[in-house]
Every structure is written in structure tokens, then in C-alpha cells.
Amino acid sequence: MTLKECKKEEKMDREFQKKFKFEGSINILTQMMVDPAATEKRGGGKNLPLRRGEILDVIQFTNQEQILCRNSQRRYGYVPRAVMLPL
């Protein structure tokens, strides 16, 4: 990883912490997969865009309906628990 890529990732992480009011270090709890039968959704606001079969890093189990996740492009957002499957 180059210095430029590293600084870009640090900037994205800081923006995430500010947007979601997330304190402390970002730790991956587990990985989960978006249900292949789920409908694909465009992201918006604080929601993460969904692609069928995508593997997401779980950052925080926020409540009964949503999970805070990160996708492979290092984008953060909320995902409905109903469309997530354990690996």
C-alpha cells in the first residue's frame, strides 16, 4: 500500500467517524453476506448501497433493524438486518 492510499483510507475513516458520531477505533466484529435473493438498493444518506451476494465488514450492531457496515470500497453505512446472512 502506498503512502497516498494510506492517507486516503485514514481520511475516509475520519469522515466516517464524524458522520456517524463513532468514537474509538474501528474494529471489524465479523463479516456477513447480503442475501442473494434480496433486491439491490442504491445507497442514500447514511445507508450503504446493497449488491446481492456482497461480503460486508460489520462494524457495529446498532439496533434490531440495522447494522453499521463497511463494503469493499471502504464505504460505510447502515444495512437492514433482514437482508444479512452469516458466513
PDB file of N, CA and C in Angstrom:
ATOM      1  N   MET A   1       0.854  -1.181   0.000  1.00  0.00           N
ATOM      2  CA  MET A   1       0.000   0.000   0.000  1.00  0.00           C
ATOM      3  C   MET A   1       0.899   1.244   0.000  1.00  0.00           C
ATOM      4  N   THR A   2       0.603   2.141  -0.891  1.00  0.00           N
ATOM      5  CA  THR A   2       1.417   3.352  -0.980  1.00  0.00           C
ATOM      6  C   THR A   2       1.014   4.347   0.100  1.00  0.00           C
ATOM      7  N   LEU A   3       1.848   5.332   0.299  1.00  0.00           N
ATOM      8  CA  LEU A   3       1.575   6.376   1.289  1.00  0.00           C
ATOM      9  C   LEU A   3       0.302   7.131   0.935  1.00  0.00           C
ATOM     10  N   LYS A   4       0.107   7.384  -0.355  1.00  0.00           N
ATOM     11  CA  LYS A   4      -1.084   8.109  -0.813  1.00  0.00           C
ATOM     12  C   LYS A   4      -2.364   7.329  -0.494  1.00  0.00           C
ATOM     13  N   GLU A   5      -2.356   6.017  -0.752  1.00  0.00           N
ATOM     14  CA  GLU A   5      -3.516   5.172  -0.454  1.00  0.00           C
ATOM     15  C   GLU A   5      -3.783   5.130   1.045  1.00  0.00           C
ATOM     16  N   CYS A   6      -2.728   5.064   1.836  1.00  0.00           N
ATOM     17  CA  CYS A   6      -2.860   5.008   3.293  1.00  0.00           C
ATOM     18  C   CYS A   6      -3.495   6.287   3.827  1.00  0.00           C
ATOM     19  N   LYS A   7      -3.041   7.428   3.326  1.00  0.00           N
ATOM     20  CA  LYS A   7      -3.605   8.698   3.766  1.00  0.00           C
ATOM     21  C   LYS A   7      -5.063   8.830   3.341  1.00  0.00           C
ATOM     22  N   LYS A   8      -5.412   8.321   2.157  1.00  0.00           N
ATOM     23  CA  LYS A   8      -6.793   8.362   1.678  1.00  0.00           C
ATOM     24  C   LYS A   8      -7.706   7.531   2.589  1.00  0.00           C
ATOM     25  N   GLU A   9      -7.241   6.345   2.989  1.00  0.00           N
ATOM     26  CA  GLU A   9      -8.016   5.499   3.884  1.00  0.00           C
ATOM     27  C   GLU A   9      -8.191   6.151   5.248  1.00  0.00           C
ATOM     28  N   GLU A  10      -7.146   6.781   5.763  1.00  0.00           N
ATOM     29  CA  GLU A  10      -7.254   7.478   7.048  1.00  0.00           C
ATOM     30  C   GLU A  10      -8.273   8.609   6.963  1.00  0.00           C
ATOM     31  N   LYS A  11      -8.280   9.338   5.858  1.00  0.00           N
ATOM     32  CA  LYS A  11      -9.231  10.422   5.674  1.00  0.00           C
ATOM     33  C   LYS A  11     -10.664   9.880   5.630  1.00  0.00           C
ATOM     34  N   MET A  12     -10.873   8.783   4.905  1.00  0.00           N
ATOM     35  CA  MET A  12     -12.210   8.183   4.825  1.00  0.00           C
ATOM     36  C   MET A  12     -12.675   7.716   6.202  1.00  0.00           C
ATOM     37  N   ASP A  13     -11.757   7.151   6.990  1.00  0.00           N
ATOM     38  CA  ASP A  13     -12.102   6.697   8.334  1.00  0.00           C
ATOM     39  C   ASP A  13     -12.485   7.878   9.236  1.00  0.00           C
ATOM     40  N   ARG A  14     -11.763   8.984   9.129  1.00  0.00           N
ATOM     41  CA  ARG A  14     -12.093  10.177   9.928  1.00  0.00           C
ATOM     42  C   ARG A  14     -13.456  10.736   9.529  1.00  0.00           C
ATOM     43  N   GLU A  15     -13.745  10.763   8.228  1.00  0.00           N
ATOM     44  CA  GLU A  15     -15.048  11.248   7.763  1.00  0.00           C
ATOM     45  C   GLU A  15     -16.171  10.354   8.278  1.00  0.00           C
ATOM     46  N   PHE A  16     -15.929   9.037   8.276  1.00  0.00           N
ATOM     47  CA  PHE A  16     -16.911   8.094   8.808  1.00  0.00           C
ATOM     48  C   PHE A  16     -17.194   8.373  10.277  1.00  0.00           C
ATOM     49  N   GLN A  17     -16.125   8.545  11.062  1.00  0.00           N
ATOM     50  CA  GLN A  17     -16.299   8.783  12.495  1.00  0.00           C
ATOM     51  C   GLN A  17     -17.068  10.069  12.756  1.00  0.00           C
ATOM     52  N   LYS A  18     -16.849  11.082  11.945  1.00  0.00           N
ATOM     53  CA  LYS A  18     -17.557  12.346  12.112  1.00  0.00           C
ATOM     54  C   LYS A  18     -19.025  12.207  11.697  1.00  0.00           C
ATOM     55  N   LYS A  19     -19.282  11.569  10.554  1.00  0.00           N
ATOM     56  CA  LYS A  19     -20.648  11.441  10.024  1.00  0.00           C
ATOM     57  C   LYS A  19     -21.534  10.596  10.929  1.00  0.00           C
ATOM     58  N   PHE A  20     -20.996   9.498  11.446  1.00  0.00           N
ATOM     59  CA  PHE A  20     -21.783   8.571  12.254  1.00  0.00           C
ATOM     60  C   PHE A  20     -21.587   8.769  13.758  1.00  0.00           C
ATOM     61  N   LYS A  21     -20.843   9.807  14.143  1.00  0.00           N
ATOM     62  CA  LYS A  21     -20.557  10.079  15.552  1.00  0.00           C
ATOM     63  C   LYS A  21     -20.021   8.819  16.238  1.00  0.00           C
ATOM     64  N   PHE A  22     -19.060   8.190  15.589  1.00  0.00           N
ATOM     65  CA  PHE A  22     -18.456   6.949  16.061  1.00  0.00           C
ATOM     66  C   PHE A  22     -17.172   7.290  16.789  1.00  0.00           C
ATOM     67  N   GLU A  23     -17.059   6.854  18.031  1.00  0.00           N
ATOM     68  CA  GLU A  23     -15.875   7.148  18.826  1.00  0.00           C
ATOM     69  C   GLU A  23     -15.035   5.889  18.991  1.00  0.00           C
ATOM     70  N   GLY A  24     -13.748   6.066  19.104  1.00  0.00           N
ATOM     71  CA  GLY A  24     -12.843   4.950  19.312  1.00  0.00           C
ATOM     72  C   GLY A  24     -12.328   4.405  17.995  1.00  0.00           C
ATOM     73  N   SER A  25     -11.611   3.301  18.078  1.00  0.00           N
ATOM     74  CA  SER A  25     -11.041   2.709  16.874  1.00  0.00           C
ATOM     75  C   SER A  25     -12.092   1.878  16.141  1.00  0.00           C
ATOM     76  N   ILE A  26     -11.885   1.731  14.853  1.00  0.00           N
ATOM     77  CA  ILE A  26     -12.817   0.967  14.024  1.00  0.00           C
ATOM     78  C   ILE A  26     -12.365  -0.485  14.023  1.00  0.00           C
ATOM     79  N   ASN A  27     -13.161  -1.345  14.639  1.00  0.00           N
ATOM     80  CA  ASN A  27     -12.851  -2.765  14.713  1.00  0.00           C
ATOM     81  C   ASN A  27     -13.895  -3.554  13.935  1.00  0.00           C
ATOM     82  N   ILE A  28     -13.440  -4.543  13.182  1.00  0.00           N
ATOM     83  CA  ILE A  28     -14.341  -5.411  12.442  1.00  0.00           C
ATOM     84  C   ILE A  28     -14.816  -6.502  13.404  1.00  0.00           C
ATOM     85  N   LEU A  29     -16.130  -6.589  13.634  1.00  0.00           N
ATOM     86  CA  LEU A  29     -16.667  -7.612  14.525  1.00  0.00           C
ATOM     87  C   LEU A  29     -16.768  -8.957  13.813  1.00  0.00           C
ATOM     88  N   THR A  30     -17.295  -8.931  12.594  1.00  0.00           N
ATOM     89  CA  THR A  30     -17.458 -10.142  11.797  1.00  0.00           C
ATOM     90  C   THR A  30     -17.712  -9.737  10.356  1.00  0.00           C
ATOM     91  N   GLN A  31     -17.858 -10.716   9.506  1.00  0.00           N
ATOM     92  CA  GLN A  31     -18.242 -10.450   8.121  1.00  0.00           C
ATOM     93  C   GLN A  31     -19.565 -11.154   7.861  1.00  0.00           C
ATOM     94  N   MET A  32     -20.424 -10.491   7.083  1.00  0.00           N
ATOM     95  CA  MET A  32     -21.714 -11.068   6.726  1.00  0.00           C
ATOM     96  C   MET A  32     -21.954 -10.827   5.244  1.00  0.00           C
ATOM     97  N   MET A  33     -22.846 -11.617   4.677  1.00  0.00           N
ATOM     98  CA  MET A  33     -23.138 -11.521   3.258  1.00  0.00           C
ATOM     99  C   MET A  33     -24.546 -10.978   3.044  1.00  0.00           C
ATOM    100  N   VAL A  34     -24.697 -10.142   2.020  1.00  0.00           N
ATOM    101  CA  VAL A  34     -26.022  -9.665   1.634  1.00  0.00           C
ATOM    102  C   VAL A  34     -26.739 -10.831   0.966  1.00  0.00           C
ATOM    103  N   ASP A  35     -27.989 -11.074   1.345  1.00  0.00           N
ATOM    104  CA  ASP A  35     -28.794 -12.171   0.818  1.00  0.00           C
ATOM    105  C   ASP A  35     -28.841 -12.105  -0.715  1.00  0.00           C
ATOM    106  N   PRO A  36     -28.462 -13.207  -1.398  1.00  0.00           N
ATOM    107  CA  PRO A  36     -28.511 -13.207  -2.864  1.00  0.00           C
ATOM    108  C   PRO A  36     -29.923 -13.020  -3.421  1.00  0.00           C
ATOM    109  N   ALA A  37     -30.950 -13.283  -2.619  1.00  0.00           N
ATOM    110  CA  ALA A  37     -32.335 -13.115  -3.067  1.00  0.00           C
ATOM    111  C   ALA A  37     -32.873 -11.709  -2.785  1.00  0.00           C
ATOM    112  N   ALA A  38     -32.102 -10.887  -2.083  1.00  0.00           N
ATOM    113  CA  ALA A  38     -32.549  -9.542  -1.728  1.00  0.00           C
ATOM    114  C   ALA A  38     -32.524  -8.636  -2.960  1.00  0.00           C
ATOM    115  N   THR A  39     -33.363  -7.616  -2.935  1.00  0.00           N
ATOM    116  CA  THR A  39     -33.353  -6.648  -4.029  1.00  0.00           C
ATOM    117  C   THR A  39     -32.196  -5.683  -3.819  1.00  0.00           C
ATOM    118  N   GLU A  40     -31.552  -5.308  -4.919  1.00  0.00           N
ATOM    119  CA  GLU A  40     -30.439  -4.369  -4.832  1.00  0.00           C
ATOM    120  C   GLU A  40     -30.989  -2.968  -4.592  1.00  0.00           C
ATOM    121  N   LYS A  41     -30.324  -2.221  -3.728  1.00  0.00           N
ATOM    122  CA  LYS A  41     -30.771  -0.873  -3.387  1.00  0.00           C
ATOM    123  C   LYS A  41     -29.629   0.099  -3.548  1.00  0.00           C
ATOM    124  N   ARG A  42     -29.980   1.295  -3.993  1.00  0.00           N
ATOM    125  CA  ARG A  42     -28.991   2.365  -4.053  1.00  0.00           C
ATOM    126  C   ARG A  42     -28.870   2.972  -2.674  1.00  0.00           C
ATOM    127  N   GLY A  43     -27.675   3.329  -2.329  1.00  0.00           N
ATOM    128  CA  GLY A  43     -27.452   3.960  -1.040  1.00  0.00           C
ATOM    129  C   GLY A  43     -27.932   5.398  -1.066  1.00  0.00           C
ATOM    130  N   GLY A  44     -28.104   5.935   0.097  1.00  0.00           N
ATOM    131  CA  GLY A  44     -28.504   7.323   0.203  1.00  0.00           C
ATOM    132  C   GLY A  44     -28.426   7.756   1.651  1.00  0.00           C
ATOM    133  N   GLY A  45     -28.009   8.969   1.882  1.00  0.00           N
ATOM    134  CA  GLY A  45     -27.882   9.446   3.256  1.00  0.00           C
ATOM    135  C   GLY A  45     -26.858   8.620   3.997  1.00  0.00           C
ATOM    136  N   LYS A  46     -27.309   7.915   4.997  1.00  0.00           N
ATOM    137  CA  LYS A  46     -26.399   7.081   5.794  1.00  0.00           C
ATOM    138  C   LYS A  46     -26.534   5.603   5.465  1.00  0.00           C
ATOM    139  N   ASN A  47     -27.293   5.258   4.416  1.00  0.00           N
ATOM    140  CA  ASN A  47     -27.470   3.862   4.030  1.00  0.00           C
ATOM    141  C   ASN A  47     -26.449   3.445   2.990  1.00  0.00           C
ATOM    142  N   LEU A  48     -25.988   2.219   3.126  1.00  0.00           N
ATOM    143  CA  LEU A  48     -24.985   1.667   2.229  1.00  0.00           C
ATOM    144  C   LEU A  48     -25.689   1.049   1.017  1.00  0.00           C
ATOM    145  N   PRO A  49     -25.164   1.255  -0.207  1.00  0.00           N
ATOM    146  CA  PRO A  49     -25.774   0.586  -1.364  1.00  0.00           C
ATOM    147  C   PRO A  49     -25.607  -0.928  -1.230  1.00  0.00           C
ATOM    148  N   LEU A  50     -26.639  -1.676  -1.626  1.00  0.00           N
ATOM    149  CA  LEU A  50     -26.611  -3.128  -1.480  1.00  0.00           C
ATOM    150  C   LEU A  50     -26.466  -3.806  -2.826  1.00  0.00           C
ATOM    151  N   ARG A  51     -25.568  -4.795  -2.881  1.00  0.00           N
ATOM    152  CA  ARG A  51     -25.425  -5.658  -4.051  1.00  0.00           C
ATOM    153  C   ARG A  51     -25.585  -7.091  -3.581  1.00  0.00           C
ATOM    154  N   ARG A  52     -26.328  -7.880  -4.331  1.00  0.00           N
ATOM    155  CA  ARG A  52     -26.577  -9.276  -3.964  1.00  0.00           C
ATOM    156  C   ARG A  52     -25.268 -10.050  -3.815  1.00  0.00           C
ATOM    157  N   GLY A  53     -25.172 -10.807  -2.727  1.00  0.00           N
ATOM    158  CA  GLY A  53     -24.015 -11.662  -2.502  1.00  0.00           C
ATOM    159  C   GLY A  53     -22.754 -10.945  -2.042  1.00  0.00           C
ATOM    160  N   GLU A  54     -22.832  -9.632  -1.822  1.00  0.00           N
ATOM    161  CA  GLU A  54     -21.661  -8.865  -1.399  1.00  0.00           C
ATOM    162  C   GLU A  54     -21.282  -9.199   0.046  1.00  0.00           C
ATOM    163  N   ILE A  55     -19.993  -9.296   0.310  1.00  0.00           N
ATOM    164  CA  ILE A  55     -19.495  -9.543   1.667  1.00  0.00           C
ATOM    165  C   ILE A  55     -19.206  -8.188   2.310  1.00  0.00           C
ATOM    166  N   LEU A  56     -19.768  -7.956   3.495  1.00  0.00           N
ATOM    167  CA  LEU A  56     -19.592  -6.694   4.206  1.00  0.00           C
ATOM    168  C   LEU A  56     -18.913  -6.930   5.546  1.00  0.00           C
ATOM    169  N   ASP A  57     -18.091  -5.975   5.973  1.00  0.00           N
ATOM    170  CA  ASP A  57     -17.486  -6.000   7.303  1.00  0.00           C
ATOM    171  C   ASP A  57     -18.459  -5.350   8.276  1.00  0.00           C
ATOM    172  N   VAL A  58     -18.782  -6.038   9.363  1.00  0.00           N
ATOM    173  CA  VAL A  58     -19.689  -5.494  10.374  1.00  0.00           C
ATOM    174  C   VAL A  58     -18.871  -4.688  11.371  1.00  0.00           C
ATOM    175  N   ILE A  59     -19.218  -3.403  11.516  1.00  0.00           N
ATOM    176  CA  ILE A  59     -18.527  -2.516  12.448  1.00  0.00           C
ATOM    177  C   ILE A  59     -19.265  -2.479  13.784  1.00  0.00           C
ATOM    178  N   GLN A  60     -20.612  -2.423  13.723  1.00  0.00           N
ATOM    179  CA  GLN A  60     -21.393  -2.299  14.955  1.00  0.00           C
ATOM    180  C   GLN A  60     -22.811  -2.805  14.719  1.00  0.00           C
ATOM    181  N   PHE A  61     -23.344  -3.569  15.679  1.00  0.00           N
ATOM    182  CA  PHE A  61     -24.755  -3.957  15.668  1.00  0.00           C
ATOM    183  C   PHE A  61     -25.507  -2.828  16.366  1.00  0.00           C
ATOM    184  N   THR A  62     -26.109  -1.913  15.600  1.00  0.00           N
ATOM    185  CA  THR A  62     -26.668  -0.690  16.163  1.00  0.00           C
ATOM    186  C   THR A  62     -28.000  -0.909  16.871  1.00  0.00           C
ATOM    187  N   ASN A  63     -28.923  -1.610  16.228  1.00  0.00           N
ATOM    188  CA  ASN A  63     -30.224  -1.876  16.850  1.00  0.00           C
ATOM    189  C   ASN A  63     -30.838  -3.125  16.214  1.00  0.00           C
ATOM    190  N   GLN A  64     -32.120  -3.381  16.488  1.00  0.00           N
ATOM    191  CA  GLN A  64     -32.775  -4.588  15.975  1.00  0.00           C
ATOM    192  C   GLN A  64     -32.970  -4.572  14.463  1.00  0.00           C
ATOM    193  N   GLU A  65     -32.996  -3.386  13.845  1.00  0.00           N
ATOM    194  CA  GLU A  65     -33.274  -3.300  12.416  1.00  0.00           C
ATOM    195  C   GLU A  65     -32.042  -3.059  11.546  1.00  0.00           C
ATOM    196  N   GLN A  66     -30.981  -2.462  12.096  1.00  0.00           N
ATOM    197  CA  GLN A  66     -29.859  -2.058  11.260  1.00  0.00           C
ATOM    198  C   GLN A  66     -28.504  -2.477  11.829  1.00  0.00           C
ATOM    199  N   ILE A  67     -27.546  -2.605  10.899  1.00  0.00           N
ATOM    200  CA  ILE A  67     -26.166  -2.915  11.242  1.00  0.00           C
ATOM    201  C   ILE A  67     -25.284  -1.881  10.540  1.00  0.00           C
ATOM    202  N   LEU A  68     -24.280  -1.398  11.224  1.00  0.00           N
ATOM    203  CA  LEU A  68     -23.316  -0.478  10.623  1.00  0.00           C
ATOM    204  C   LEU A  68     -22.214  -1.311   9.960  1.00  0.00           C
ATOM    205  N   CYS A  69     -22.054  -1.125   8.636  1.00  0.00           N
ATOM    206  CA  CYS A  69     -21.133  -1.969   7.869  1.00  0.00           C
ATOM    207  C   CYS A  69     -20.199  -1.149   6.989  1.00  0.00           C
ATOM    208  N   ARG A  70     -19.184  -1.847   6.471  1.00  0.00           N
ATOM    209  CA  ARG A  70     -18.252  -1.272   5.501  1.00  0.00           C
ATOM    210  C   ARG A  70     -18.150  -2.243   4.326  1.00  0.00           C
ATOM    211  N   ASN A  71     -18.196  -1.701   3.099  1.00  0.00           N
ATOM    212  CA  ASN A  71     -18.081  -2.563   1.928  1.00  0.00           C
ATOM    213  C   ASN A  71     -16.647  -2.629   1.429  1.00  0.00           C
ATOM    214  N   SER A  72     -16.425  -3.287   0.308  1.00  0.00           N
ATOM    215  CA  SER A  72     -15.073  -3.479  -0.202  1.00  0.00           C
ATOM    216  C   SER A  72     -14.443  -2.181  -0.712  1.00  0.00           C
ATOM    217  N   GLN A  73     -15.253  -1.158  -1.025  1.00  0.00           N
ATOM    218  CA  GLN A  73     -14.727   0.135  -1.442  1.00  0.00           C
ATOM    219  C   GLN A  73     -14.478   1.065  -0.251  1.00  0.00           C
ATOM    220  N   ARG A  74     -14.503   0.511   0.954  1.00  0.00           N
ATOM    221  CA  ARG A  74     -14.303   1.253   2.212  1.00  0.00           C
ATOM    222  C   ARG A  74     -15.358   2.338   2.408  1.00  0.00           C
ATOM    223  N   ARG A  75     -16.572   2.093   1.950  1.00  0.00           N
ATOM    224  CA  ARG A  75     -17.686   2.993   2.196  1.00  0.00           C
ATOM    225  C   ARG A  75     -18.455   2.436   3.384  1.00  0.00           C
ATOM    226  N   TYR A  76     -18.931   3.344   4.226  1.00  0.00           N
ATOM    227  CA  TYR A  76     -19.624   2.956   5.444  1.00  0.00           C
ATOM    228  C   TYR A  76     -21.099   3.320   5.344  1.00  0.00           C
ATOM    229  N   GLY A  77     -21.936   2.563   6.059  1.00  0.00           N
ATOM    230  CA  GLY A  77     -23.350   2.904   6.101  1.00  0.00           C
ATOM    231  C   GLY A  77     -24.156   1.840   6.809  1.00  0.00           C
ATOM    232  N   TYR A  78     -25.436   2.160   6.981  1.00  0.00           N
ATOM    233  CA  TYR A  78     -26.350   1.232   7.636  1.00  0.00           C
ATOM    234  C   TYR A  78     -26.927   0.259   6.614  1.00  0.00           C
ATOM    235  N   VAL A  79     -27.124  -0.992   7.062  1.00  0.00           N
ATOM    236  CA  VAL A  79     -27.710  -2.038   6.235  1.00  0.00           C
ATOM    237  C   VAL A  79     -28.806  -2.703   7.065  1.00  0.00           C
ATOM    238  N   PRO A  80     -29.980  -2.981   6.462  1.00  0.00           N
ATOM    239  CA  PRO A  80     -31.040  -3.673   7.206  1.00  0.00           C
ATOM    240  C   PRO A  80     -30.611  -5.086   7.601  1.00  0.00           C
ATOM    241  N   ARG A  81     -30.905  -5.461   8.837  1.00  0.00           N
ATOM    242  CA  ARG A  81     -30.540  -6.806   9.314  1.00  0.00           C
ATOM    243  C   ARG A  81     -31.256  -7.897   8.522  1.00  0.00           C
ATOM    244  N   ALA A  82     -32.455  -7.584   8.001  1.00  0.00           N
ATOM    245  CA  ALA A  82     -33.264  -8.582   7.319  1.00  0.00           C
ATOM    246  C   ALA A  82     -32.585  -9.133   6.065  1.00  0.00           C
ATOM    247  N   VAL A  83     -31.677  -8.373   5.448  1.00  0.00           N
ATOM    248  CA  VAL A  83     -31.033  -8.836   4.206  1.00  0.00           C
ATOM    249  C   VAL A  83     -29.641  -9.412   4.450  1.00  0.00           C
ATOM    250  N   MET A  84     -29.211  -9.534   5.702  1.00  0.00           N
ATOM    251  CA  MET A  84     -27.868 -10.020   6.009  1.00  0.00           C
ATOM    252  C   MET A  84     -27.894 -11.495   6.410  1.00  0.00           C
ATOM    253  N   LEU A  85     -26.907 -12.234   5.921  1.00  0.00           N
ATOM    254  CA  LEU A  85     -26.759 -13.656   6.248  1.00  0.00           C
ATOM    255  C   LEU A  85     -25.373 -13.886   6.846  1.00  0.00           C
ATOM    256  N   PRO A  86     -25.273 -14.735   7.872  1.00  0.00           N
ATOM    257  CA  PRO A  86     -23.941 -15.037   8.421  1.00  0.00           C
ATOM    258  C   PRO A  86     -23.145 -15.881   7.433  1.00  0.00           C
ATOM    259  N   LEU A  87     -21.837 -15.769   7.474  1.00  0.00           N
ATOM    260  CA  LEU A  87     -20.977 -16.578   6.586  1.00  0.00           C
ATOM    261  C   LEU A  87     -20.774 -17.968   7.169  1.00  0.00           C
TER     262      LEU A  87
END
